[in-house]
Amino acid sequence: MKKYTNKILIITAIVLVLGLVIGYTIDFQTGYRSGRIKYEKIEKDSTKTLTFGSLKELDAYVDSVETSQKTSPEENKTSSNNQSETSHQ
């Protein structure tokens, strides 16, 4: 019986994998047909290139990004306190 143990385990593993693949395939097909799963085409080149005509335009863009990402004054105080504490260690 020992010489058949590995064959039985391999066959069992193959049957389990096939069962999972078939089960997920059926689930996907029924979900797609019922509308639960929807296909949405993704644009491959979704990155957009920024072009600026001059350094002034670039500076204006950088300033607008910096002002939109600023933190509140309370957060600035706590972060400056943390930095001073760590710099003395």
PDB file of N, CA and C in Angstrom:
ATOM      1  N   MET A   1       0.819  -1.201   0.000  1.00  0.00           N
ATOM      2  CA  MET A   1       0.000   0.000   0.000  1.00  0.00           C
ATOM      3  C   MET A   1       0.860   1.261   0.000  1.00  0.00           C
ATOM      4  N   LYS A   2       2.104   1.176   0.498  1.00  0.00           N
ATOM      5  CA  LYS A   2       2.964   2.354   0.564  1.00  0.00           C
ATOM      6  C   LYS A   2       3.305   2.882  -0.822  1.00  0.00           C
ATOM      7  N   LYS A   3       3.506   2.001  -1.792  1.00  0.00           N
ATOM      8  CA  LYS A   3       3.913   2.472  -3.108  1.00  0.00           C
ATOM      9  C   LYS A   3       2.791   3.203  -3.836  1.00  0.00           C
ATOM     10  N   TYR A   4       1.556   3.049  -3.413  1.00  0.00           N
ATOM     11  CA  TYR A   4       0.434   3.745  -4.052  1.00  0.00           C
ATOM     12  C   TYR A   4       0.078   5.070  -3.363  1.00  0.00           C
ATOM     13  N   THR A   5       0.674   5.339  -2.208  1.00  0.00           N
ATOM     14  CA  THR A   5       0.316   6.534  -1.436  1.00  0.00           C
ATOM     15  C   THR A   5       0.625   7.810  -2.211  1.00  0.00           C
ATOM     16  N   ASN A   6       1.812   7.912  -2.797  1.00  0.00           N
ATOM     17  CA  ASN A   6       2.173   9.120  -3.549  1.00  0.00           C
ATOM     18  C   ASN A   6       1.272   9.307  -4.762  1.00  0.00           C
ATOM     19  N   LYS A   7       0.946   8.231  -5.449  1.00  0.00           N
ATOM     20  CA  LYS A   7       0.063   8.333  -6.608  1.00  0.00           C
ATOM     21  C   LYS A   7      -1.322   8.800  -6.193  1.00  0.00           C
ATOM     22  N   ILE A   8      -1.809   8.290  -5.075  1.00  0.00           N
ATOM     23  CA  ILE A   8      -3.131   8.697  -4.587  1.00  0.00           C
ATOM     24  C   ILE A   8      -3.125  10.175  -4.211  1.00  0.00           C
ATOM     25  N   LEU A   9      -2.055  10.636  -3.541  1.00  0.00           N
ATOM     26  CA  LEU A   9      -1.968  12.054  -3.161  1.00  0.00           C
ATOM     27  C   LEU A   9      -1.888  12.959  -4.388  1.00  0.00           C
ATOM     28  N   ILE A  10      -1.117  12.571  -5.383  1.00  0.00           N
ATOM     29  CA  ILE A  10      -0.988  13.378  -6.601  1.00  0.00           C
ATOM     30  C   ILE A  10      -2.315  13.438  -7.343  1.00  0.00           C
ATOM     31  N   ILE A  11      -2.973  12.319  -7.474  1.00  0.00           N
ATOM     32  CA  ILE A  11      -4.270  12.286  -8.164  1.00  0.00           C
ATOM     33  C   ILE A  11      -5.293  13.127  -7.396  1.00  0.00           C
ATOM     34  N   THR A  12      -5.279  13.039  -6.073  1.00  0.00           N
ATOM     35  CA  THR A  12      -6.197  13.841  -5.256  1.00  0.00           C
ATOM     36  C   THR A  12      -5.927  15.324  -5.444  1.00  0.00           C
ATOM     37  N   ALA A  13      -4.658  15.714  -5.469  1.00  0.00           N
ATOM     38  CA  ALA A  13      -4.309  17.122  -5.665  1.00  0.00           C
ATOM     39  C   ALA A  13      -4.771  17.606  -7.037  1.00  0.00           C
ATOM     40  N   ILE A  14      -4.571  16.784  -8.055  1.00  0.00           N
ATOM     41  CA  ILE A  14      -4.991  17.160  -9.411  1.00  0.00           C
ATOM     42  C   ILE A  14      -6.505  17.309  -9.476  1.00  0.00           C
ATOM     43  N   VAL A  15      -7.229  16.401  -8.861  1.00  0.00           N
ATOM     44  CA  VAL A  15      -8.695  16.473  -8.860  1.00  0.00           C
ATOM     45  C   VAL A  15      -9.164  17.729  -8.122  1.00  0.00           C
ATOM     46  N   LEU A  16      -8.529  18.054  -7.006  1.00  0.00           N
ATOM     47  CA  LEU A  16      -8.908  19.257  -6.259  1.00  0.00           C
ATOM     48  C   LEU A  16      -8.647  20.522  -7.074  1.00  0.00           C
ATOM     49  N   VAL A  17      -7.490  20.591  -7.731  1.00  0.00           N
ATOM     50  CA  VAL A  17      -7.170  21.770  -8.548  1.00  0.00           C
ATOM     51  C   VAL A  17      -8.154  21.902  -9.703  1.00  0.00           C
ATOM     52  N   LEU A  18      -8.442  20.795 -10.372  1.00  0.00           N
ATOM     53  CA  LEU A  18      -9.420  20.846 -11.466  1.00  0.00           C
ATOM     54  C   LEU A  18     -10.793  21.268 -10.958  1.00  0.00           C
ATOM     55  N   GLY A  19     -11.182  20.773  -9.801  1.00  0.00           N
ATOM     56  CA  GLY A  19     -12.463  21.170  -9.215  1.00  0.00           C
ATOM     57  C   GLY A  19     -12.516  22.654  -8.914  1.00  0.00           C
ATOM     58  N   LEU A  20     -11.414  23.195  -8.366  1.00  0.00           N
ATOM     59  CA  LEU A  20     -11.377  24.634  -8.083  1.00  0.00           C
ATOM     60  C   LEU A  20     -11.427  25.462  -9.366  1.00  0.00           C
ATOM     61  N   VAL A  21     -10.667  25.051 -10.380  1.00  0.00           N
ATOM     62  CA  VAL A  21     -10.655  25.794 -11.645  1.00  0.00           C
ATOM     63  C   VAL A  21     -12.031  25.767 -12.288  1.00  0.00           C
ATOM     64  N   ILE A  22     -12.651  24.604 -12.313  1.00  0.00           N
ATOM     65  CA  ILE A  22     -13.992  24.500 -12.904  1.00  0.00           C
ATOM     66  C   ILE A  22     -15.000  25.312 -12.088  1.00  0.00           C
ATOM     67  N   GLY A  23     -14.902  25.248 -10.768  1.00  0.00           N
ATOM     68  CA  GLY A  23     -15.822  26.003  -9.913  1.00  0.00           C
ATOM     69  C   GLY A  23     -15.697  27.499 -10.103  1.00  0.00           C
ATOM     70  N   TYR A  24     -14.445  28.003 -10.118  1.00  0.00           N
ATOM     71  CA  TYR A  24     -14.254  29.440 -10.320  1.00  0.00           C
ATOM     72  C   TYR A  24     -14.672  29.865 -11.720  1.00  0.00           C
ATOM     73  N   THR A  25     -14.466  29.014 -12.706  1.00  0.00           N
ATOM     74  CA  THR A  25     -14.891  29.340 -14.066  1.00  0.00           C
ATOM     75  C   THR A  25     -16.409  29.466 -14.145  1.00  0.00           C
ATOM     76  N   ILE A  26     -17.107  28.521 -13.548  1.00  0.00           N
ATOM     77  CA  ILE A  26     -18.576  28.570 -13.544  1.00  0.00           C
ATOM     78  C   ILE A  26     -19.065  29.797 -12.785  1.00  0.00           C
ATOM     79  N   ASP A  27     -18.430  30.093 -11.647  1.00  0.00           N
ATOM     80  CA  ASP A  27     -18.817  31.271 -10.859  1.00  0.00           C
ATOM     81  C   ASP A  27     -18.597  32.546 -11.659  1.00  0.00           C
ATOM     82  N   PHE A  28     -17.471  32.634 -12.344  1.00  0.00           N
ATOM     83  CA  PHE A  28     -17.186  33.823 -13.142  1.00  0.00           C
ATOM     84  C   PHE A  28     -18.181  33.971 -14.288  1.00  0.00           C
ATOM     85  N   GLN A  29     -18.451  32.872 -14.978  1.00  0.00           N
ATOM     86  CA  GLN A  29     -19.382  32.935 -16.102  1.00  0.00           C
ATOM     87  C   GLN A  29     -20.784  33.351 -15.659  1.00  0.00           C
ATOM     88  N   THR A  30     -21.266  32.763 -14.574  1.00  0.00           N
ATOM     89  CA  THR A  30     -22.608  33.129 -14.097  1.00  0.00           C
ATOM     90  C   THR A  30     -22.627  34.562 -13.575  1.00  0.00           C
ATOM     91  N   GLY A  31     -21.543  34.982 -12.930  1.00  0.00           N
ATOM     92  CA  GLY A  31     -21.479  36.366 -12.449  1.00  0.00           C
ATOM     93  C   GLY A  31     -21.424  37.365 -13.580  1.00  0.00           C
ATOM     94  N   TYR A  32     -20.702  37.026 -14.635  1.00  0.00           N
ATOM     95  CA  TYR A  32     -20.596  37.931 -15.782  1.00  0.00           C
ATOM     96  C   TYR A  32     -21.924  38.031 -16.514  1.00  0.00           C
ATOM     97  N   ARG A  33     -22.585  36.915 -16.673  1.00  0.00           N
ATOM     98  CA  ARG A  33     -23.864  36.919 -17.384  1.00  0.00           C
ATOM     99  C   ARG A  33     -24.972  37.582 -16.585  1.00  0.00           C
ATOM    100  N   SER A  34     -24.888  37.502 -15.255  1.00  0.00           N
ATOM    101  CA  SER A  34     -25.919  38.128 -14.435  1.00  0.00           C
ATOM    102  C   SER A  34     -25.650  39.616 -14.200  1.00  0.00           C
ATOM    103  N   GLY A  35     -24.457  40.075 -14.545  1.00  0.00           N
ATOM    104  CA  GLY A  35     -24.133  41.492 -14.366  1.00  0.00           C
ATOM    105  C   GLY A  35     -23.404  41.790 -13.071  1.00  0.00           C
ATOM    106  N   ARG A  36     -23.149  40.787 -12.277  1.00  0.00           N
ATOM    107  CA  ARG A  36     -22.426  40.997 -11.014  1.00  0.00           C
ATOM    108  C   ARG A  36     -20.969  41.354 -11.288  1.00  0.00           C
ATOM    109  N   ILE A  37     -20.405  40.779 -12.332  1.00  0.00           N
ATOM    110  CA  ILE A  37     -19.038  41.070 -12.747  1.00  0.00           C
ATOM    111  C   ILE A  37     -19.124  41.812 -14.067  1.00  0.00           C
ATOM    112  N   LYS A  38     -18.462  42.987 -14.143  1.00  0.00           N
ATOM    113  CA  LYS A  38     -18.513  43.790 -15.358  1.00  0.00           C
ATOM    114  C   LYS A  38     -17.105  43.988 -15.898  1.00  0.00           C
ATOM    115  N   TYR A  39     -17.019  43.998 -17.195  1.00  0.00           N
ATOM    116  CA  TYR A  39     -15.749  44.239 -17.880  1.00  0.00           C
ATOM    117  C   TYR A  39     -15.618  45.723 -18.146  1.00  0.00           C
ATOM    118  N   GLU A  40     -14.522  46.299 -17.663  1.00  0.00           N
ATOM    119  CA  GLU A  40     -14.244  47.698 -17.921  1.00  0.00           C
ATOM    120  C   GLU A  40     -12.889  47.800 -18.595  1.00  0.00           C
ATOM    121  N   LYS A  41     -12.873  48.360 -19.779  1.00  0.00           N
ATOM    122  CA  LYS A  41     -11.622  48.474 -20.505  1.00  0.00           C
ATOM    123  C   LYS A  41     -10.739  49.515 -19.828  1.00  0.00           C
ATOM    124  N   ILE A  42      -9.489  49.142 -19.596  1.00  0.00           N
ATOM    125  CA  ILE A  42      -8.527  50.035 -18.965  1.00  0.00           C
ATOM    126  C   ILE A  42      -7.602  50.583 -20.033  1.00  0.00           C
ATOM    127  N   GLU A  43      -7.441  51.894 -20.029  1.00  0.00           N
ATOM    128  CA  GLU A  43      -6.556  52.525 -20.987  1.00  0.00           C
ATOM    129  C   GLU A  43      -5.113  52.186 -20.611  1.00  0.00           C
ATOM    130  N   LYS A  44      -4.379  51.603 -21.545  1.00  0.00           N
ATOM    131  CA  LYS A  44      -3.024  51.146 -21.237  1.00  0.00           C
ATOM    132  C   LYS A  44      -2.099  52.301 -20.883  1.00  0.00           C
ATOM    133  N   ASP A  45      -2.178  53.393 -21.607  1.00  0.00           N
ATOM    134  CA  ASP A  45      -1.320  54.532 -21.332  1.00  0.00           C
ATOM    135  C   ASP A  45      -2.127  55.554 -20.545  1.00  0.00           C
ATOM    136  N   SER A  46      -2.319  55.269 -19.266  1.00  0.00           N
ATOM    137  CA  SER A  46      -3.138  56.159 -18.453  1.00  0.00           C
ATOM    138  C   SER A  46      -2.331  57.300 -17.853  1.00  0.00           C
ATOM    139  N   THR A  47      -1.005  57.272 -18.009  1.00  0.00           N
ATOM    140  CA  THR A  47      -0.193  58.371 -17.500  1.00  0.00           C
ATOM    141  C   THR A  47      -0.261  59.519 -18.486  1.00  0.00           C
ATOM    142  N   LYS A  48      -0.353  60.702 -17.953  1.00  0.00           N
ATOM    143  CA  LYS A  48      -0.457  61.878 -18.807  1.00  0.00           C
ATOM    144  C   LYS A  48       0.802  62.712 -18.649  1.00  0.00           C
ATOM    145  N   THR A  49       1.291  63.220 -19.742  1.00  0.00           N
ATOM    146  CA  THR A  49       2.503  64.024 -19.742  1.00  0.00           C
ATOM    147  C   THR A  49       2.128  65.479 -19.526  1.00  0.00           C
ATOM    148  N   LEU A  50       2.837  66.095 -18.601  1.00  0.00           N
ATOM    149  CA  LEU A  50       2.639  67.515 -18.358  1.00  0.00           C
ATOM    150  C   LEU A  50       3.659  68.291 -19.173  1.00  0.00           C
ATOM    151  N   THR A  51       3.186  69.271 -19.923  1.00  0.00           N
ATOM    152  CA  THR A  51       4.096  70.108 -20.700  1.00  0.00           C
ATOM    153  C   THR A  51       3.893  71.549 -20.277  1.00  0.00           C
ATOM    154  N   PHE A  52       5.011  72.243 -20.143  1.00  0.00           N
ATOM    155  CA  PHE A  52       4.975  73.639 -19.732  1.00  0.00           C
ATOM    156  C   PHE A  52       5.751  74.452 -20.746  1.00  0.00           C
ATOM    157  N   GLY A  53       5.191  75.624 -21.076  1.00  0.00           N
ATOM    158  CA  GLY A  53       5.831  76.481 -22.061  1.00  0.00           C
ATOM    159  C   GLY A  53       6.981  77.279 -21.488  1.00  0.00           C
ATOM    160  N   SER A  54       6.942  77.521 -20.178  1.00  0.00           N
ATOM    161  CA  SER A  54       8.010  78.305 -19.575  1.00  0.00           C
ATOM    162  C   SER A  54       8.185  77.893 -18.121  1.00  0.00           C
ATOM    163  N   LEU A  55       9.227  78.415 -17.509  1.00  0.00           N
ATOM    164  CA  LEU A  55       9.469  78.124 -16.099  1.00  0.00           C
ATOM    165  C   LEU A  55       8.401  78.753 -15.205  1.00  0.00           C
ATOM    166  N   LYS A  56       7.820  79.866 -15.658  1.00  0.00           N
ATOM    167  CA  LYS A  56       6.764  80.503 -14.865  1.00  0.00           C
ATOM    168  C   LYS A  56       5.552  79.583 -14.760  1.00  0.00           C
ATOM    169  N   GLU A  57       5.202  78.923 -15.862  1.00  0.00           N
ATOM    170  CA  GLU A  57       4.080  77.983 -15.836  1.00  0.00           C
ATOM    171  C   GLU A  57       4.390  76.804 -14.917  1.00  0.00           C
ATOM    172  N   LEU A  58       5.631  76.336 -14.958  1.00  0.00           N
ATOM    173  CA  LEU A  58       6.045  75.240 -14.089  1.00  0.00           C
ATOM    174  C   LEU A  58       5.977  75.663 -12.629  1.00  0.00           C
ATOM    175  N   ASP A  59       6.466  76.863 -12.319  1.00  0.00           N
ATOM    176  CA  ASP A  59       6.418  77.357 -10.939  1.00  0.00           C
ATOM    177  C   ASP A  59       4.979  77.511 -10.455  1.00  0.00           C
ATOM    178  N   ALA A  60       4.106  77.987 -11.320  1.00  0.00           N
ATOM    179  CA  ALA A  60       2.703  78.142 -10.945  1.00  0.00           C
ATOM    180  C   ALA A  60       2.076  76.780 -10.664  1.00  0.00           C
ATOM    181  N   TYR A  61       2.417  75.786 -11.457  1.00  0.00           N
ATOM    182  CA  TYR A  61       1.887  74.444 -11.235  1.00  0.00           C
ATOM    183  C   TYR A  61       2.415  73.872  -9.927  1.00  0.00           C
ATOM    184  N   VAL A  62       3.701  74.029  -9.675  1.00  0.00           N
ATOM    185  CA  VAL A  62       4.299  73.521  -8.437  1.00  0.00           C
ATOM    186  C   VAL A  62       3.659  74.196  -7.235  1.00  0.00           C
ATOM    187  N   ASP A  63       3.457  75.501  -7.307  1.00  0.00           N
ATOM    188  CA  ASP A  63       2.821  76.216  -6.195  1.00  0.00           C
ATOM    189  C   ASP A  63       1.396  75.724  -5.962  1.00  0.00           C
ATOM    190  N   SER A  64       0.666  75.446  -7.030  1.00  0.00           N
ATOM    191  CA  SER A  64      -0.711  74.974  -6.865  1.00  0.00           C
ATOM    192  C   SER A  64      -0.736  73.581  -6.248  1.00  0.00           C
ATOM    193  N   VAL A  65       0.229  72.743  -6.598  1.00  0.00           N
ATOM    194  CA  VAL A  65       0.284  71.401  -6.014  1.00  0.00           C
ATOM    195  C   VAL A  65       0.684  71.493  -4.545  1.00  0.00           C
ATOM    196  N   GLU A  66       1.651  72.352  -4.232  1.00  0.00           N
ATOM    197  CA  GLU A  66       2.102  72.488  -2.847  1.00  0.00           C
ATOM    198  C   GLU A  66       0.998  73.040  -1.950  1.00  0.00           C
ATOM    199  N   THR A  67       0.232  73.999  -2.432  1.00  0.00           N
ATOM    200  CA  THR A  67      -0.813  74.574  -1.595  1.00  0.00           C
ATOM    201  C   THR A  67      -1.969  73.600  -1.405  1.00  0.00           C
ATOM    202  N   SER A  68      -2.198  72.734  -2.375  1.00  0.00           N
ATOM    203  CA  SER A  68      -3.294  71.776  -2.221  1.00  0.00           C
ATOM    204  C   SER A  68      -2.913  70.632  -1.301  1.00  0.00           C
ATOM    205  N   GLN A  69      -1.624  70.436  -1.032  1.00  0.00           N
ATOM    206  CA  GLN A  69      -1.184  69.339  -0.193  1.00  0.00           C
ATOM    207  C   GLN A  69      -0.684  69.795   1.175  1.00  0.00           C
ATOM    208  N   LYS A  70      -0.835  71.057   1.514  1.00  0.00           N
ATOM    209  CA  LYS A  70      -0.367  71.540   2.814  1.00  0.00           C
ATOM    210  C   LYS A  70      -1.200  70.952   3.936  1.00  0.00           C
ATOM    211  N   THR A  71      -0.542  70.752   5.076  1.00  0.00           N
ATOM    212  CA  THR A  71      -1.232  70.217   6.245  1.00  0.00           C
ATOM    213  C   THR A  71      -1.700  71.360   7.129  1.00  0.00           C
ATOM    214  N   SER A  72      -2.508  71.015   8.101  1.00  0.00           N
ATOM    215  CA  SER A  72      -3.017  72.038   9.005  1.00  0.00           C
ATOM    216  C   SER A  72      -1.894  72.523   9.915  1.00  0.00           C
ATOM    217  N   PRO A  73      -2.030  73.731  10.507  1.00  0.00           N
ATOM    218  CA  PRO A  73      -0.982  74.262  11.397  1.00  0.00           C
ATOM    219  C   PRO A  73      -0.729  73.357  12.606  1.00  0.00           C
ATOM    220  N   GLU A  74      -1.765  72.676  13.099  1.00  0.00           N
ATOM    221  CA  GLU A  74      -1.571  71.796  14.240  1.00  0.00           C
ATOM    222  C   GLU A  74      -0.652  70.637  13.887  1.00  0.00           C
ATOM    223  N   GLU A  75      -0.818  70.093  12.683  1.00  0.00           N
ATOM    224  CA  GLU A  75       0.036  68.989  12.267  1.00  0.00           C
ATOM    225  C   GLU A  75       1.470  69.467  12.062  1.00  0.00           C
ATOM    226  N   ASN A  76       1.628  70.711  11.594  1.00  0.00           N
ATOM    227  CA  ASN A  76       2.972  71.246  11.408  1.00  0.00           C
ATOM    228  C   ASN A  76       3.688  71.396  12.743  1.00  0.00           C
ATOM    229  N   LYS A  77       2.958  71.806  13.782  1.00  0.00           N
ATOM    230  CA  LYS A  77       3.583  71.963  15.093  1.00  0.00           C
ATOM    231  C   LYS A  77       4.066  70.631  15.629  1.00  0.00           C
ATOM    232  N   THR A  78       3.226  69.601  15.527  1.00  0.00           N
ATOM    233  CA  THR A  78       3.614  68.307  16.066  1.00  0.00           C
ATOM    234  C   THR A  78       4.757  67.706  15.263  1.00  0.00           C
ATOM    235  N   SER A  79       4.777  67.910  13.970  1.00  0.00           N
ATOM    236  CA  SER A  79       5.861  67.338  13.175  1.00  0.00           C
ATOM    237  C   SER A  79       7.173  68.061  13.446  1.00  0.00           C
ATOM    238  N   SER A  80       7.132  69.389  13.671  1.00  0.00           N
ATOM    239  CA  SER A  80       8.372  70.104  13.974  1.00  0.00           C
ATOM    240  C   SER A  80       8.887  69.717  15.357  1.00  0.00           C
ATOM    241  N   ASN A  81       7.973  69.436  16.302  1.00  0.00           N
ATOM    242  CA  ASN A  81       8.401  68.985  17.614  1.00  0.00           C
ATOM    243  C   ASN A  81       9.052  67.618  17.530  1.00  0.00           C
ATOM    244  N   ASN A  82       8.493  66.743  16.750  1.00  0.00           N
ATOM    245  CA  ASN A  82       9.065  65.406  16.586  1.00  0.00           C
ATOM    246  C   ASN A  82      10.444  65.481  15.930  1.00  0.00           C
ATOM    247  N   GLN A  83      10.609  66.380  14.985  1.00  0.00           N
ATOM    248  CA  GLN A  83      11.891  66.493  14.320  1.00  0.00           C
ATOM    249  C   GLN A  83      12.952  67.015  15.273  1.00  0.00           C
ATOM    250  N   SER A  84      12.604  67.978  16.113  1.00  0.00           N
ATOM    251  CA  SER A  84      13.607  68.513  17.027  1.00  0.00           C
ATOM    252  C   SER A  84      13.995  67.477  18.065  1.00  0.00           C
ATOM    253  N   GLU A  85      13.055  66.662  18.504  1.00  0.00           N
ATOM    254  CA  GLU A  85      13.378  65.632  19.486  1.00  0.00           C
ATOM    255  C   GLU A  85      14.302  64.587  18.904  1.00  0.00           C
ATOM    256  N   THR A  86      14.053  64.195  17.685  1.00  0.00           N
ATOM    257  CA  THR A  86      14.880  63.149  17.084  1.00  0.00           C
ATOM    258  C   THR A  86      16.245  63.669  16.691  1.00  0.00           C
ATOM    259  N   SER A  87      16.379  64.959  16.426  1.00  0.00           N
ATOM    260  CA  SER A  87      17.672  65.486  16.002  1.00  0.00           C
ATOM    261  C   SER A  87      18.645  65.555  17.185  1.00  0.00           C
ATOM    262  N   HIS A  88      18.135  65.607  18.430  1.00  0.00           N
ATOM    263  CA  HIS A  88      18.998  65.688  19.599  1.00  0.00           C
ATOM    264  C   HIS A  88      19.483  64.325  20.077  1.00  0.00           C
ATOM    265  N   GLN A  89      18.946  63.267  19.539  1.00  0.00           N
ATOM    266  CA  GLN A  89      19.321  61.939  20.038  1.00  0.00           C
ATOM    267  C   GLN A  89      20.639  61.502  19.547  1.00  0.00           C
TER     268      GLN A  89
END
